[in-house]
Protein backbone atom coordinates (compact mmCIF):
# COMPACT_ATOMS: atom_id res chain seq x y z
CA MET A 1 -27.64 16.11 14.48
CA ALA A 2 -25.31 13.63 16.18
CA VAL A 3 -23.66 14.03 19.55
CA GLY A 4 -20.62 12.18 20.81
CA PHE A 5 -18.61 12.32 23.99
CA ILE A 6 -14.92 11.65 23.49
CA LEU A 7 -12.58 10.78 26.34
CA ILE A 8 -9.00 11.79 25.59
CA LYS A 9 -5.81 10.49 27.20
CA THR A 10 -2.73 12.64 26.70
CA GLU A 11 0.96 11.95 26.95
CA PRO A 12 2.37 12.87 30.36
CA SER A 13 2.55 16.65 30.93
CA LYS A 14 0.87 17.42 27.57
CA GLU A 15 -2.62 18.08 28.99
CA GLN A 16 -2.51 21.86 28.61
CA GLN A 17 -1.00 21.71 25.12
CA VAL A 18 -3.70 19.30 23.91
CA TYR A 19 -6.46 21.32 25.62
CA GLU A 20 -5.37 24.48 23.81
CA ALA A 21 -5.02 22.71 20.44
CA LEU A 22 -8.51 21.20 20.69
CA GLY A 23 -9.98 24.65 21.26
CA SER A 24 -9.75 25.28 17.52
CA VAL A 25 -11.76 22.18 16.50
CA GLU A 26 -15.12 23.64 15.48
CA GLU A 27 -17.13 20.47 16.16
CA ILE A 28 -16.10 20.46 19.83
CA THR A 29 -18.78 22.34 21.75
CA GLU A 30 -17.49 21.52 25.24
CA LEU A 31 -14.09 20.53 26.58
CA HIS A 32 -13.44 19.60 30.22
CA PRO A 33 -10.29 18.55 32.08
CA LEU A 34 -10.68 15.35 34.12
CA PHE A 35 -8.87 13.81 37.06
CA ALA A 36 -9.26 10.18 36.12
CA GLU A 37 -7.94 7.56 33.69
CA PHE A 38 -8.57 10.01 30.85
CA ASP A 39 -7.36 13.62 30.95
CA LEU A 40 -10.03 15.43 28.91
CA MET A 41 -13.65 14.96 27.90
CA SER A 42 -15.08 16.66 24.84
CA LYS A 43 -18.59 16.96 23.51
CA VAL A 44 -18.79 16.87 19.72
CA ASN A 45 -21.81 17.95 17.67
CA THR A 46 -22.02 16.94 14.01
CA SER A 47 -24.69 16.76 11.35
CA ASP A 48 -24.45 12.99 10.76
CA PHE A 49 -24.27 9.97 13.10
CA TYR A 50 -20.99 8.79 11.55
CA ASP A 51 -19.26 12.19 11.62
CA PRO A 52 -18.07 12.10 15.28
CA GLY A 53 -15.83 9.16 14.34
CA GLN A 54 -14.37 11.15 11.47
CA VAL A 55 -13.71 14.10 13.80
CA VAL A 56 -11.86 11.79 16.18
CA VAL A 57 -9.74 10.16 13.48
CA GLN A 58 -8.99 13.24 11.38
CA LYS A 59 -8.82 16.02 13.97
CA LEU A 60 -8.45 14.82 17.57
CA ARG A 61 -5.95 12.01 17.05
CA ALA A 62 -3.92 14.27 14.77
CA VAL A 63 -3.12 16.59 17.70
CA GLU A 64 0.38 16.10 19.04
CA GLY A 65 0.22 14.70 22.57
CA VAL A 66 -3.02 12.73 22.17
CA GLN A 67 -2.25 9.20 23.25
CA ASP A 68 -5.67 7.49 23.24
CA THR A 69 -9.35 8.25 22.71
CA GLN A 70 -12.61 6.57 23.58
CA THR A 71 -15.76 7.61 21.71
CA HIS A 72 -19.26 7.38 23.19
CA PRO A 73 -22.04 8.18 20.71
CA ALA A 74 -25.17 9.60 22.28
CA THR A 75 -28.73 10.33 21.27
CA LYS A 76 -30.20 13.77 21.51
CA ARG A 77 -33.65 14.26 22.94
C-alpha cells in the first residue's frame, strides 16, 4: 500500500466546490481545509507506490477549480 499527502490550491472562492467534488474520489481517505498557501490537504491510499501520482493527474487536477497541487509520498509503518 502507498500513501501520499496532496496539497491542493484552488482558484479564488472555489474551495467549497473543490472540497465537495473531491469527496467522490475513492482513493482519498482524508480531506482537510487549510488556512495557508494551499487550501486543502488530502490523504490518498493506493495499492502501488506510483498510483498516487496517477490519482493526482487523472482525478484531482481534473476537478474544475483546482489550480495547483503538490504531492508528498509517504511511507507507512
